[in-house]
Amino acid sequence: MQSSPPTDGGRLIAEVRRAIRARHYSRRTEQAYVRWVREYVRYHSGRHPAELGEADVSRFLTDLAVRRRVSASTQNQAASALLFLYNEVLSRPMRRAGDVVRAREPVRLPVVLTPEEVRRVLERMEGTNRLVAVLLYGAGLRLLEALRLRIKDVDFGRGEVAIRDAKGGRARVTMLPHRSARALRRQLDRARVIHARDRQDGGGGVPLPHALGRKLPGAALEWPWQWVFPAARRYRDRETGLMCRHHWHPTNVQRAVRRAVKESGIAKRATCHTFRHSFATHLLESGHDIRTVQELLGHRDVRTTMIYTHVLNRGRLGVVSPIDRI
């Protein structure tokens, strides 16, 4: 039995959000899906998606590729959002949109820094932003994976960092770099002082994932659940009224990396994610097995990891250029 579709735009978006949260998708996925549903409705002059079908979805996706010239990944994201809308919200199964002009998927090699370039960039960073960058390169973390670390995720005894609810909802364990351990301990000391001060002021809470706030009452105030990198400012939670802290904002690190790359004179378009690319490439260059690198990065398919074999300094097959033999 099909559920009756929402009758207006606001209710439609509310249903989309509810369906996404029921499946524990990430907040960024929710934001992206909601944006594409709105774009789809706007493209069709405000008509309700329940009145539209596969041909209308195909026309929208084709327009993205032909007129707006979006990338293949952007078009695929839009397609996933609309399939989710029809399959999970409107209960109108739709396997794939019909005849769609596909955006071309260019083969892009990741930007990779040399170890010397990494050192030069890190030398021009300081404080929290530098420590986050050290973890991006030293443990192969994505930026939000580093910023969302909680106290309980860092195991100094085993030299490990636990990554929970990463991209695709997957979890993994990666290494804790020895060179970052001392600075990380100092960071935890600073976080403890901040937490203690917040508790004295009647706050000290942090947002918890999924429904843990209901399953573990009081956990938001406990030390193990606090952020390793707490934000500088507090905010009042709308539901509980409690003064809380979010984690360190990603733009702080992004700006610091961009400035450090510019100051170091490196002629590469390096970003925070470049540290993760460099981590994988340098491990492969030093002889580590590609399956090990795959596990550390959290890739579902080893073919994703194999992109780094194309950027090794010694060439994919260790081929020496003829000019270097003269």
Protein backbone atom coordinates (compact mmCIF):
# COMPACT_ATOMS: atom_id res chain seq x y z
CA MET A 1 0.00 0.00 0.00
CA GLN A 2 1.49 3.31 -1.10
CA SER A 3 1.67 6.16 1.35
CA SER A 4 0.00 9.38 0.32
CA PRO A 5 2.54 11.92 -0.93
CA PRO A 6 3.16 15.14 0.94
CA THR A 7 0.91 17.94 -0.24
CA ASP A 8 3.35 20.87 -0.21
CA GLY A 9 7.02 21.66 -0.60
CA GLY A 10 7.72 22.13 3.09
CA ARG A 11 6.11 18.83 3.97
CA LEU A 12 7.94 17.09 1.14
CA ILE A 13 11.32 18.27 2.42
CA ALA A 14 10.36 17.24 5.97
CA GLU A 15 9.52 13.74 4.70
CA VAL A 16 12.84 13.55 2.86
CA ARG A 17 14.76 14.57 5.97
CA ARG A 18 12.84 12.07 8.11
CA ALA A 19 13.56 9.21 5.70
CA ILE A 20 17.26 10.09 5.53
CA ARG A 21 17.65 10.31 9.29
CA ALA A 22 15.80 7.03 9.79
CA ARG A 23 18.54 5.39 7.70
CA HIS A 24 21.34 7.17 9.57
CA TYR A 25 22.77 8.90 6.51
CA SER A 26 25.33 11.61 7.17
CA ARG A 27 24.34 15.24 7.63
CA ARG A 28 26.13 16.17 4.43
CA THR A 29 24.19 13.55 2.49
CA GLU A 30 20.99 14.98 3.92
CA GLN A 31 21.97 18.50 2.85
CA ALA A 32 22.89 17.35 -0.65
CA TYR A 33 19.73 15.27 -1.18
CA VAL A 34 17.46 18.06 0.05
CA ARG A 35 19.18 20.53 -2.26
CA TRP A 36 18.71 18.27 -5.30
CA VAL A 37 15.03 17.65 -4.49
CA ARG A 38 14.50 21.40 -4.37
CA GLU A 39 16.43 21.86 -7.63
CA TYR A 40 14.29 19.17 -9.27
CA VAL A 41 11.02 20.78 -8.14
CA ARG A 42 12.25 24.21 -9.26
CA TYR A 43 13.28 22.85 -12.67
CA HIS A 44 9.75 21.55 -13.18
CA SER A 45 8.17 24.89 -12.24
CA GLY A 46 7.11 23.85 -8.77
CA ARG A 47 5.23 20.69 -9.75
CA HIS A 48 5.11 18.02 -7.07
CA PRO A 49 7.43 15.05 -7.79
CA ALA A 50 4.45 12.69 -7.32
CA GLU A 51 3.03 14.16 -10.54
CA LEU A 52 6.26 13.49 -12.43
CA GLY A 53 7.95 10.28 -13.59
CA GLU A 54 11.08 8.71 -15.05
CA ALA A 55 10.98 10.83 -18.20
CA ASP A 56 10.97 13.99 -16.08
CA VAL A 57 13.88 12.73 -13.98
CA SER A 58 15.81 11.90 -17.15
CA ARG A 59 15.15 15.34 -18.59
CA PHE A 60 16.42 17.01 -15.42
CA LEU A 61 19.59 14.90 -15.26
CA THR A 62 20.29 15.48 -18.96
CA ASP A 63 19.94 19.22 -18.44
CA LEU A 64 22.54 19.06 -15.68
CA ALA A 65 25.05 17.54 -18.09
CA VAL A 66 24.21 19.47 -21.26
CA ARG A 67 23.28 22.97 -20.15
CA ARG A 68 24.85 23.27 -16.70
CA ARG A 69 27.89 21.13 -17.57
CA VAL A 70 28.18 19.53 -14.14
CA SER A 71 30.71 16.81 -13.40
CA ALA A 72 29.82 13.13 -13.56
CA SER A 73 30.01 12.83 -9.77
CA THR A 74 27.59 15.75 -9.34
CA GLN A 75 25.14 14.23 -11.81
CA ASN A 76 25.38 10.86 -10.06
CA GLN A 77 24.69 12.52 -6.72
CA ALA A 78 21.59 14.20 -8.14
CA ALA A 79 20.42 10.87 -9.58
CA SER A 80 20.91 9.15 -6.22
CA ALA A 81 18.91 11.88 -4.47
CA LEU A 82 15.98 11.53 -6.86
CA LEU A 83 16.00 7.74 -6.74
CA PHE A 84 15.91 8.00 -2.96
CA LEU A 85 13.00 10.44 -3.21
CA TYR A 86 10.90 8.13 -5.38
CA ASN A 87 11.90 4.82 -3.79
CA GLU A 88 11.94 5.73 -0.11
CA VAL A 89 9.74 8.80 0.28
CA LEU A 90 7.05 8.60 -2.39
CA SER A 91 7.00 4.76 -2.48
CA ARG A 92 7.16 4.74 -6.28
CA PRO A 93 9.99 2.31 -7.15
CA MET A 94 12.30 3.67 -9.80
CA ARG A 95 15.37 1.61 -10.63
CA ARG A 96 17.19 4.02 -12.92
CA ALA A 97 16.25 7.05 -14.94
CA GLY A 98 15.77 6.23 -18.63
CA ASP A 99 17.70 7.88 -21.46
CA VAL A 100 20.08 10.31 -19.83
CA VAL A 101 22.98 12.16 -21.40
CA ARG A 102 25.80 11.28 -19.03
CA ALA A 103 28.37 13.82 -17.91
CA ARG A 104 31.85 12.69 -18.85
CA GLU A 105 33.95 11.26 -16.06
CA PRO A 106 37.49 12.62 -16.53
CA VAL A 107 40.39 10.65 -15.15
CA ARG A 108 42.06 12.92 -12.62
CA LEU A 109 45.27 12.04 -10.86
CA PRO A 110 45.40 13.15 -7.22
CA VAL A 111 47.73 15.98 -6.24
CA VAL A 112 50.57 14.56 -4.17
CA LEU A 113 53.24 16.40 -2.22
CA THR A 114 56.75 15.08 -1.75
CA PRO A 115 57.88 14.43 1.85
CA GLU A 116 59.98 17.59 1.65
CA GLU A 117 56.97 19.62 0.50
CA VAL A 118 54.86 18.20 3.32
CA ARG A 119 57.55 19.28 5.79
CA ARG A 120 57.65 22.79 4.33
CA VAL A 121 53.88 23.18 4.60
CA LEU A 122 53.72 21.88 8.18
CA GLU A 123 56.56 24.20 9.23
CA ARG A 124 54.36 27.14 8.27
CA MET A 125 51.42 26.00 10.37
CA GLU A 126 50.90 26.16 14.11
CA GLY A 127 48.55 25.27 16.94
CA THR A 128 45.43 23.20 16.44
CA ASN A 129 45.48 23.57 12.67
CA ARG A 130 48.99 22.15 12.46
CA LEU A 131 48.15 19.15 14.65
CA VAL A 132 45.09 18.39 12.52
CA ALA A 133 47.25 18.56 9.37
CA VAL A 134 49.78 16.21 10.99
CA LEU A 135 47.01 13.65 11.53
CA LEU A 136 45.75 14.06 7.95
CA TYR A 137 49.19 13.14 6.64
CA GLY A 138 50.36 10.85 9.43
CA ALA A 139 47.18 8.73 9.65
CA GLY A 140 45.59 9.28 6.23
CA LEU A 141 42.47 10.88 7.67
CA ARG A 142 39.88 12.94 5.87
CA LEU A 143 39.46 16.40 7.36
CA LEU A 144 36.11 15.74 9.05
CA GLU A 145 37.34 12.37 10.31
CA ALA A 146 40.09 14.18 12.20
CA LEU A 147 37.82 16.94 13.51
CA ARG A 148 35.14 14.47 14.66
CA LEU A 149 37.56 12.45 16.79
CA ARG A 150 36.38 11.98 20.35
CA ILE A 151 38.55 11.30 23.37
CA LYS A 152 37.62 7.61 23.43
CA ASP A 153 38.75 7.18 19.81
CA VAL A 154 42.44 7.79 20.61
CA ASP A 155 44.33 4.81 22.05
CA PHE A 156 47.88 5.82 23.00
CA GLY A 157 48.67 2.37 24.41
CA ARG A 158 47.97 0.59 21.12
CA GLY A 159 49.04 3.50 18.93
CA GLU A 160 45.68 3.51 17.16
CA VAL A 161 42.96 5.92 16.14
CA ALA A 162 39.40 4.64 15.67
CA ILE A 163 37.39 6.26 12.89
CA ARG A 164 33.66 5.82 13.41
CA ASP A 165 30.83 6.59 11.02
CA ALA A 166 33.20 7.61 8.23
CA LYS A 167 32.28 8.04 4.58
CA GLY A 168 29.61 5.52 3.64
CA GLY A 169 28.88 4.80 7.32
CA ARG A 170 31.96 2.60 7.62
CA ALA A 171 34.36 2.35 10.56
CA ARG A 172 38.05 1.52 10.63
CA VAL A 173 41.19 1.68 12.73
CA THR A 174 44.31 3.46 11.54
CA MET A 175 47.69 4.28 13.01
CA LEU A 176 48.46 6.98 15.55
CA PRO A 177 51.74 8.56 14.37
CA HIS A 178 54.42 8.47 17.09
CA ARG A 179 55.53 12.00 16.23
CA SER A 180 52.06 13.35 16.95
CA ALA A 181 51.53 11.55 20.28
CA ARG A 182 53.09 14.20 22.52
CA ALA A 183 51.28 17.09 20.82
CA LEU A 184 48.05 15.10 20.90
CA ARG A 185 48.40 14.51 24.65
CA ARG A 186 48.84 18.26 25.15
CA GLN A 187 45.74 18.84 23.03
CA LEU A 188 43.75 16.48 25.25
CA ASP A 189 44.98 18.37 28.31
CA ARG A 190 43.68 21.61 26.79
CA ALA A 191 40.39 19.94 25.90
CA ARG A 192 40.03 18.69 29.49
CA VAL A 193 40.53 22.20 30.86
CA ILE A 194 37.89 23.54 28.45
CA HIS A 195 35.48 20.76 29.41
CA ALA A 196 35.98 21.35 33.14
CA ARG A 197 35.36 25.07 32.70
CA ASP A 198 32.22 24.39 30.68
CA ARG A 199 30.91 22.02 33.37
CA GLN A 200 31.45 24.69 36.02
CA ASP A 201 29.41 27.10 33.88
CA GLY A 202 26.55 24.62 33.65
CA GLY A 203 27.39 23.31 30.16
CA GLY A 204 29.93 20.83 28.85
CA GLY A 205 27.78 18.87 26.44
CA VAL A 206 28.52 17.71 22.91
CA PRO A 207 26.18 16.38 20.21
CA LEU A 208 25.99 12.59 20.11
CA PRO A 209 25.57 10.46 16.98
CA HIS A 210 22.22 8.93 16.05
CA ALA A 211 20.00 8.16 19.08
CA LEU A 212 22.75 7.81 21.69
CA GLY A 213 21.45 10.87 23.47
CA ARG A 214 18.35 8.87 24.41
CA LYS A 215 20.07 5.53 24.91
CA LEU A 216 22.85 6.95 27.12
CA PRO A 217 21.40 9.80 29.17
CA GLY A 218 24.18 12.05 30.41
CA ALA A 219 26.78 10.70 27.98
CA ALA A 220 26.99 14.07 26.23
CA LEU A 221 28.56 15.48 29.42
CA GLU A 222 31.04 12.65 29.95
CA TRP A 223 34.74 13.06 29.17
CA PRO A 224 35.13 10.09 26.75
CA TRP A 225 32.55 11.62 24.39
CA GLN A 226 34.15 15.07 24.24
CA TRP A 227 35.83 16.31 21.06
CA VAL A 228 39.59 16.03 20.73
CA PHE A 229 39.45 19.38 18.91
CA PRO A 230 36.69 21.44 20.58
CA ALA A 231 35.45 24.63 18.97
CA ALA A 232 36.41 28.00 20.38
CA ARG A 233 32.80 29.02 21.00
CA ARG A 234 29.80 27.42 22.66
CA TYR A 235 26.19 27.28 21.52
CA ARG A 236 22.86 26.50 23.16
CA ASP A 237 21.24 23.25 22.06
CA ARG A 238 17.67 23.89 20.93
CA GLU A 239 16.29 20.60 22.27
CA THR A 240 17.99 20.39 25.66
CA GLY A 241 18.76 24.07 26.31
CA LEU A 242 22.26 22.95 27.38
CA MET A 243 25.34 24.98 26.48
CA CYS A 244 27.38 22.75 24.15
CA ARG A 245 30.48 22.81 21.97
CA HIS A 246 30.85 21.65 18.44
CA HIS A 247 34.19 20.46 17.06
CA TRP A 248 36.85 22.74 15.51
CA HIS A 249 35.50 24.23 12.29
CA PRO A 250 36.97 22.79 9.04
CA THR A 251 37.40 26.21 7.45
CA ASN A 252 40.02 27.04 10.09
CA VAL A 253 42.23 24.21 8.88
CA GLN A 254 41.47 24.77 5.19
CA ARG A 255 42.51 28.40 5.36
CA ALA A 256 45.65 27.58 7.34
CA VAL A 257 46.69 24.92 4.80
CA ARG A 258 45.98 27.20 1.85
CA ARG A 259 48.07 29.97 3.43
CA ALA A 260 50.95 27.59 4.30
CA VAL A 261 51.05 26.17 0.77
CA LYS A 262 51.22 29.67 -0.68
CA GLU A 263 53.94 30.77 1.73
CA SER A 264 56.02 27.68 1.00
CA GLY A 265 56.06 28.51 -2.73
CA ILE A 266 54.78 25.10 -3.79
CA ALA A 267 53.32 25.29 -7.31
CA LYS A 268 50.62 22.68 -6.68
CA ARG A 269 46.92 23.01 -5.93
CA ALA A 270 47.30 21.38 -2.54
CA THR A 271 44.42 21.18 -0.05
CA CYS A 272 43.73 19.36 3.21
CA HIS A 273 42.83 16.23 1.22
CA THR A 274 46.24 16.35 -0.47
CA PHE A 275 47.76 15.14 2.82
CA ARG A 276 45.65 11.97 2.59
CA HIS A 277 46.73 11.43 -1.03
CA SER A 278 50.35 11.92 0.01
CA PHE A 279 49.96 9.48 2.92
CA ALA A 280 48.79 6.70 0.59
CA THR A 281 51.37 7.39 -2.10
CA HIS A 282 54.30 7.54 0.30
CA LEU A 283 53.26 4.27 1.96
CA LEU A 284 53.18 2.54 -1.43
CA GLU A 285 56.51 4.08 -2.37
CA SER A 286 58.06 2.67 0.79
CA GLY A 287 56.92 -0.83 -0.18
CA HIS A 288 53.75 -1.34 1.87
CA ASP A 289 51.14 -3.71 0.46
CA ILE A 290 48.25 -2.05 -1.36
CA ARG A 291 45.71 -4.06 0.67
CA THR A 292 47.18 -2.62 3.87
CA VAL A 293 46.91 0.89 2.46
CA GLN A 294 43.32 0.14 1.41
CA GLU A 295 42.43 -0.82 4.99
CA LEU A 296 44.11 2.24 6.46
CA LEU A 297 42.27 4.54 4.06
CA GLY A 298 38.94 2.77 4.53
CA HIS A 299 38.34 2.15 0.82
CA ARG A 300 35.64 -0.40 0.09
CA ASP A 301 37.22 -1.42 -3.23
CA VAL A 302 40.95 -1.83 -3.82
CA ARG A 303 40.48 -0.28 -7.26
CA THR A 304 39.95 3.05 -5.52
CA THR A 305 43.31 2.67 -3.81
CA MET A 306 45.04 1.69 -7.04
CA ILE A 307 44.82 5.29 -8.32
CA TYR A 308 47.88 5.96 -6.17
CA THR A 309 49.96 3.47 -8.13
CA HIS A 310 49.77 5.92 -11.05
CA VAL A 311 51.50 8.73 -9.19
CA LEU A 312 54.46 6.94 -7.67
CA ASN A 313 57.72 8.73 -8.27
CA ARG A 314 59.35 5.61 -9.61
CA GLY A 315 56.54 4.85 -12.07
CA ARG A 316 53.86 2.21 -11.83
CA LEU A 317 56.19 -0.62 -12.87
CA GLY A 318 59.42 0.91 -11.65
CA VAL A 319 60.39 1.84 -15.22
CA VAL A 320 63.49 4.01 -15.62
CA SER A 321 63.37 6.68 -18.30
CA PRO A 322 65.92 6.20 -21.13
CA ILE A 323 67.22 9.71 -20.58
CA ASP A 324 68.23 8.77 -17.04
CA ARG A 325 70.52 6.02 -18.43
CA ILE A 326 72.64 8.34 -20.53
